[in-house]
Amino acid sequence: MESAQLQTTMAEDQVRAAILAALTPFDAVAEQNQPGMLVLETGSVGKAYLAGGFRAEAKMPMRITVATAGGTAGTGVSIQVASRGGGGLMSGGILGMRKARRAEKTWLDRTVAAVQPAGGMGPQQPPPPPPGPPPATPSV
């Protein structure tokens, strides 16, 4: 299972809409979409068993759960991505488990990217130091 928490300046309904807009083209289906909660599912468990370890990572069955808490300063977002149907073990053994873990990371990254560019307040880098005078060379 992969998870992330972040804060954004977007309104709660805008967060859910942005995630839906970003993940729907990848065949994610909304199972629940209401204030405070968005649940999406991807892939098919039955097809995962048939394809086994040869199944593409992006097609592995996943459940994406997004909990949101809106306020005056923005929205807190908690994202959890978990494999459905045995975590890949039943659909490809060790290879299937490895693909399921990579797929979890891929779906988490896609979900975070849907929220972050539109006003996210993730980790910030400090500004570079201002340019100063050139270093003095010692005279001998």
C-alpha atoms as a PDB file:
ATOM      1  CA  MET A   1       0.000   0.000   0.000  1.00  0.00           C
ATOM      2  CA  GLU A   2       1.203   3.513  -0.857  1.00  0.00           C
ATOM      3  CA  SER A   3      -0.027   6.684   0.820  1.00  0.00           C
ATOM      4  CA  ALA A   4       0.582  10.421   0.888  1.00  0.00           C
ATOM      5  CA  GLN A   5      -0.727  13.488   2.664  1.00  0.00           C
ATOM      6  CA  LEU A   6      -0.600  17.001   1.336  1.00  0.00           C
ATOM      7  CA  GLN A   7      -2.143  20.430   1.662  1.00  0.00           C
ATOM      8  CA  THR A   8      -3.464  22.513  -1.216  1.00  0.00           C
ATOM      9  CA  THR A   9      -5.070  25.922  -1.578  1.00  0.00           C
ATOM     10  CA  MET A  10      -7.779  24.435  -3.806  1.00  0.00           C
ATOM     11  CA  ALA A  11     -11.335  24.043  -2.527  1.00  0.00           C
ATOM     12  CA  GLU A  12     -12.409  20.523  -1.539  1.00  0.00           C
ATOM     13  CA  ASP A  13     -14.740  20.038  -4.516  1.00  0.00           C
ATOM     14  CA  GLN A  14     -12.009  21.276  -6.883  1.00  0.00           C
ATOM     15  CA  VAL A  15      -9.582  18.687  -5.477  1.00  0.00           C
ATOM     16  CA  ARG A  16     -12.004  15.840  -6.180  1.00  0.00           C
ATOM     17  CA  ALA A  17     -12.767  17.218  -9.661  1.00  0.00           C
ATOM     18  CA  ALA A  18      -9.058  17.579 -10.513  1.00  0.00           C
ATOM     19  CA  ILE A  19      -8.307  14.011  -9.429  1.00  0.00           C
ATOM     20  CA  LEU A  20     -11.256  12.652 -11.395  1.00  0.00           C
ATOM     21  CA  ALA A  21     -10.221  14.612 -14.492  1.00  0.00           C
ATOM     22  CA  ALA A  22      -6.641  13.325 -14.225  1.00  0.00           C
ATOM     23  CA  LEU A  23      -7.389   9.656 -13.542  1.00  0.00           C
ATOM     24  CA  THR A  24     -10.502   8.988 -15.640  1.00  0.00           C
ATOM     25  CA  PRO A  25      -8.518   8.927 -18.931  1.00  0.00           C
ATOM     26  CA  PHE A  26      -6.512   6.036 -17.417  1.00  0.00           C
ATOM     27  CA  ASP A  27      -9.740   4.008 -16.959  1.00  0.00           C
ATOM     28  CA  ALA A  28     -10.203   4.801 -13.264  1.00  0.00           C
ATOM     29  CA  VAL A  29     -13.869   4.504 -12.267  1.00  0.00           C
ATOM     30  CA  ALA A  30     -15.374   6.509  -9.402  1.00  0.00           C
ATOM     31  CA  GLU A  31     -17.068   4.206  -6.901  1.00  0.00           C
ATOM     32  CA  GLN A  32     -17.810   6.994  -4.429  1.00  0.00           C
ATOM     33  CA  ASN A  33     -17.660  10.756  -4.917  1.00  0.00           C
ATOM     34  CA  GLN A  34     -19.012  12.887  -2.107  1.00  0.00           C
ATOM     35  CA  PRO A  35     -17.696  15.747   0.009  1.00  0.00           C
ATOM     36  CA  GLY A  36     -14.802  14.458   2.080  1.00  0.00           C
ATOM     37  CA  MET A  37     -14.318  11.191   0.193  1.00  0.00           C
ATOM     38  CA  LEU A  38     -13.421  10.010  -3.294  1.00  0.00           C
ATOM     39  CA  VAL A  39     -12.932   6.310  -4.035  1.00  0.00           C
ATOM     40  CA  LEU A  40     -11.761   5.119  -7.459  1.00  0.00           C
ATOM     41  CA  GLU A  41     -11.073   1.633  -8.773  1.00  0.00           C
ATOM     42  CA  THR A  42      -8.899   0.580 -11.672  1.00  0.00           C
ATOM     43  CA  GLY A  43      -8.389  -2.636 -13.564  1.00  0.00           C
ATOM     44  CA  SER A  44     -10.269  -5.896 -13.275  1.00  0.00           C
ATOM     45  CA  VAL A  45      -9.493  -8.578 -10.723  1.00  0.00           C
ATOM     46  CA  GLY A  46     -10.732 -11.336 -13.062  1.00  0.00           C
ATOM     47  CA  LYS A  47      -8.552 -10.197 -15.936  1.00  0.00           C
ATOM     48  CA  ALA A  48      -5.589  -9.907 -13.569  1.00  0.00           C
ATOM     49  CA  TYR A  49      -5.858 -13.605 -12.742  1.00  0.00           C
ATOM     50  CA  LEU A  50      -5.997 -14.536 -16.424  1.00  0.00           C
ATOM     51  CA  ALA A  51      -3.078 -12.352 -17.481  1.00  0.00           C
ATOM     52  CA  GLY A  52      -0.978 -13.215 -14.450  1.00  0.00           C
ATOM     53  CA  GLY A  53       2.486 -11.723 -14.272  1.00  0.00           C
ATOM     54  CA  PHE A  54       2.309 -10.612 -17.911  1.00  0.00           C
ATOM     55  CA  ARG A  55      -0.286  -7.943 -17.168  1.00  0.00           C
ATOM     56  CA  ALA A  56       0.774  -4.330 -17.607  1.00  0.00           C
ATOM     57  CA  GLU A  57       1.338  -2.445 -14.343  1.00  0.00           C
ATOM     58  CA  ALA A  58      -1.164   0.246 -15.270  1.00  0.00           C
ATOM     59  CA  LYS A  59      -3.880  -2.391 -15.678  1.00  0.00           C
ATOM     60  CA  MET A  60      -3.394  -3.992 -12.256  1.00  0.00           C
ATOM     61  CA  PRO A  61      -6.531  -3.737 -10.088  1.00  0.00           C
ATOM     62  CA  MET A  62      -6.155  -0.865  -7.604  1.00  0.00           C
ATOM     63  CA  ARG A  63      -8.356   0.995  -5.138  1.00  0.00           C
ATOM     64  CA  ILE A  64      -7.565   4.698  -4.726  1.00  0.00           C
ATOM     65  CA  THR A  65      -9.060   6.315  -1.633  1.00  0.00           C
ATOM     66  CA  VAL A  66      -8.850  10.092  -1.246  1.00  0.00           C
ATOM     67  CA  ALA A  67     -10.012  11.702   1.989  1.00  0.00           C
ATOM     68  CA  THR A  68     -10.349  15.484   1.920  1.00  0.00           C
ATOM     69  CA  ALA A  69     -10.889  18.044   4.664  1.00  0.00           C
ATOM     70  CA  GLY A  70     -11.648  21.520   3.393  1.00  0.00           C
ATOM     71  CA  GLY A  71     -11.184  24.722   5.369  1.00  0.00           C
ATOM     72  CA  THR A  72     -10.742  28.440   4.890  1.00  0.00           C
ATOM     73  CA  ALA A  73      -7.033  28.109   4.035  1.00  0.00           C
ATOM     74  CA  GLY A  74      -7.445  25.226   1.594  1.00  0.00           C
ATOM     75  CA  THR A  75      -7.858  21.475   1.686  1.00  0.00           C
ATOM     76  CA  GLY A  76      -5.971  18.708   3.424  1.00  0.00           C
ATOM     77  CA  VAL A  77      -5.710  15.628   1.216  1.00  0.00           C
ATOM     78  CA  SER A  78      -4.916  12.086   2.315  1.00  0.00           C
ATOM     79  CA  ILE A  79      -4.364   9.558  -0.498  1.00  0.00           C
ATOM     80  CA  GLN A  80      -4.149   5.797  -0.128  1.00  0.00           C
ATOM     81  CA  VAL A  81      -3.574   3.381  -3.022  1.00  0.00           C
ATOM     82  CA  ALA A  82      -3.901  -0.354  -2.420  1.00  0.00           C
ATOM     83  CA  SER A  83      -3.973  -3.383  -4.650  1.00  0.00           C
ATOM     84  CA  ARG A  84      -7.258  -5.255  -4.982  1.00  0.00           C
ATOM     85  CA  GLY A  85      -7.512  -9.015  -5.246  1.00  0.00           C
ATOM     86  CA  GLY A  86      -4.501 -10.405  -3.422  1.00  0.00           C
ATOM     87  CA  GLY A  87      -1.824  -7.796  -4.024  1.00  0.00           C
ATOM     88  CA  GLY A  88      -0.561  -9.423  -7.211  1.00  0.00           C
ATOM     89  CA  LEU A  89       0.447 -12.698  -5.562  1.00  0.00           C
ATOM     90  CA  MET A  90      -2.474 -14.647  -6.987  1.00  0.00           C
ATOM     91  CA  SER A  91      -2.024 -13.056 -10.394  1.00  0.00           C
ATOM     92  CA  GLY A  92       1.573 -13.760 -11.204  1.00  0.00           C
ATOM     93  CA  GLY A  93       3.314 -14.774  -7.991  1.00  0.00           C
ATOM     94  CA  ILE A  94       6.376 -12.750  -7.074  1.00  0.00           C
ATOM     95  CA  LEU A  95       6.352 -10.973 -10.446  1.00  0.00           C
ATOM     96  CA  GLY A  96       2.705 -10.023  -9.908  1.00  0.00           C
ATOM     97  CA  MET A  97       3.442  -8.700  -6.401  1.00  0.00           C
ATOM     98  CA  ARG A  98       6.297  -6.598  -7.729  1.00  0.00           C
ATOM     99  CA  LYS A  99       4.126  -5.176 -10.504  1.00  0.00           C
ATOM    100  CA  ALA A 100       1.343  -4.424  -8.016  1.00  0.00           C
ATOM    101  CA  ARG A 101       3.745  -2.421  -5.814  1.00  0.00           C
ATOM    102  CA  ARG A 102       5.015  -0.441  -8.802  1.00  0.00           C
ATOM    103  CA  ALA A 103       1.436   0.144  -9.952  1.00  0.00           C
ATOM    104  CA  GLU A 104       0.512   1.469  -6.501  1.00  0.00           C
ATOM    105  CA  LYS A 105       3.366   3.972  -6.729  1.00  0.00           C
ATOM    106  CA  THR A 106       2.375   4.970 -10.269  1.00  0.00           C
ATOM    107  CA  TRP A 107      -1.258   5.617  -9.290  1.00  0.00           C
ATOM    108  CA  LEU A 108      -0.174   7.535  -6.176  1.00  0.00           C
ATOM    109  CA  ASP A 109       2.120   9.743  -8.275  1.00  0.00           C
ATOM    110  CA  ARG A 110      -0.685  10.422 -10.771  1.00  0.00           C
ATOM    111  CA  THR A 111      -3.095  11.345  -7.991  1.00  0.00           C
ATOM    112  CA  VAL A 112      -0.624  13.670  -6.261  1.00  0.00           C
ATOM    113  CA  ALA A 113       0.266  15.313  -9.595  1.00  0.00           C
ATOM    114  CA  ALA A 114      -3.412  16.062 -10.195  1.00  0.00           C
ATOM    115  CA  VAL A 115      -3.520  18.201  -7.057  1.00  0.00           C
ATOM    116  CA  GLN A 116      -0.014  19.626  -6.619  1.00  0.00           C
ATOM    117  CA  PRO A 117       0.472  21.725  -9.796  1.00  0.00           C
ATOM    118  CA  ALA A 118      -2.810  23.539  -9.242  1.00  0.00           C
ATOM    119  CA  GLY A 119      -1.708  25.309  -6.092  1.00  0.00           C
ATOM    120  CA  GLY A 120      -0.195  22.626  -3.914  1.00  0.00           C
ATOM    121  CA  MET A 121       2.044  23.550  -1.048  1.00  0.00           C
ATOM    122  CA  GLY A 122       4.463  20.654  -1.025  1.00  0.00           C
ATOM    123  CA  PRO A 123       8.051  20.667   0.172  1.00  0.00           C
ATOM    124  CA  GLN A 124       9.694  23.918  -0.790  1.00  0.00           C
ATOM    125  CA  GLN A 125      13.332  24.515  -1.640  1.00  0.00           C
ATOM    126  CA  PRO A 126      15.025  27.488   0.029  1.00  0.00           C
ATOM    127  CA  PRO A 127      15.889  30.318  -2.359  1.00  0.00           C
ATOM    128  CA  PRO A 128      19.479  30.410  -3.618  1.00  0.00           C
ATOM    129  CA  PRO A 129      21.811  32.774  -1.765  1.00  0.00           C
ATOM    130  CA  PRO A 130      22.129  36.247  -3.263  1.00  0.00           C
ATOM    131  CA  PRO A 131      25.180  36.816  -5.432  1.00  0.00           C
ATOM    132  CA  GLY A 132      28.012  38.406  -3.512  1.00  0.00           C
ATOM    133  CA  PRO A 133      31.418  39.740  -4.350  1.00  0.00           C
ATOM    134  CA  PRO A 134      33.835  37.294  -5.986  1.00  0.00           C
ATOM    135  CA  PRO A 135      35.995  35.341  -3.539  1.00  0.00           C
ATOM    136  CA  ALA A 136      39.236  37.047  -2.688  1.00  0.00           C
ATOM    137  CA  THR A 137      42.411  35.409  -3.883  1.00  0.00           C
ATOM    138  CA  PRO A 138      45.206  35.308  -1.320  1.00  0.00           C
ATOM    139  CA  SER A 139      48.326  37.229  -2.295  1.00  0.00           C
ATOM    140  CA  VAL A 140      51.671  35.725  -1.535  1.00  0.00           C
END
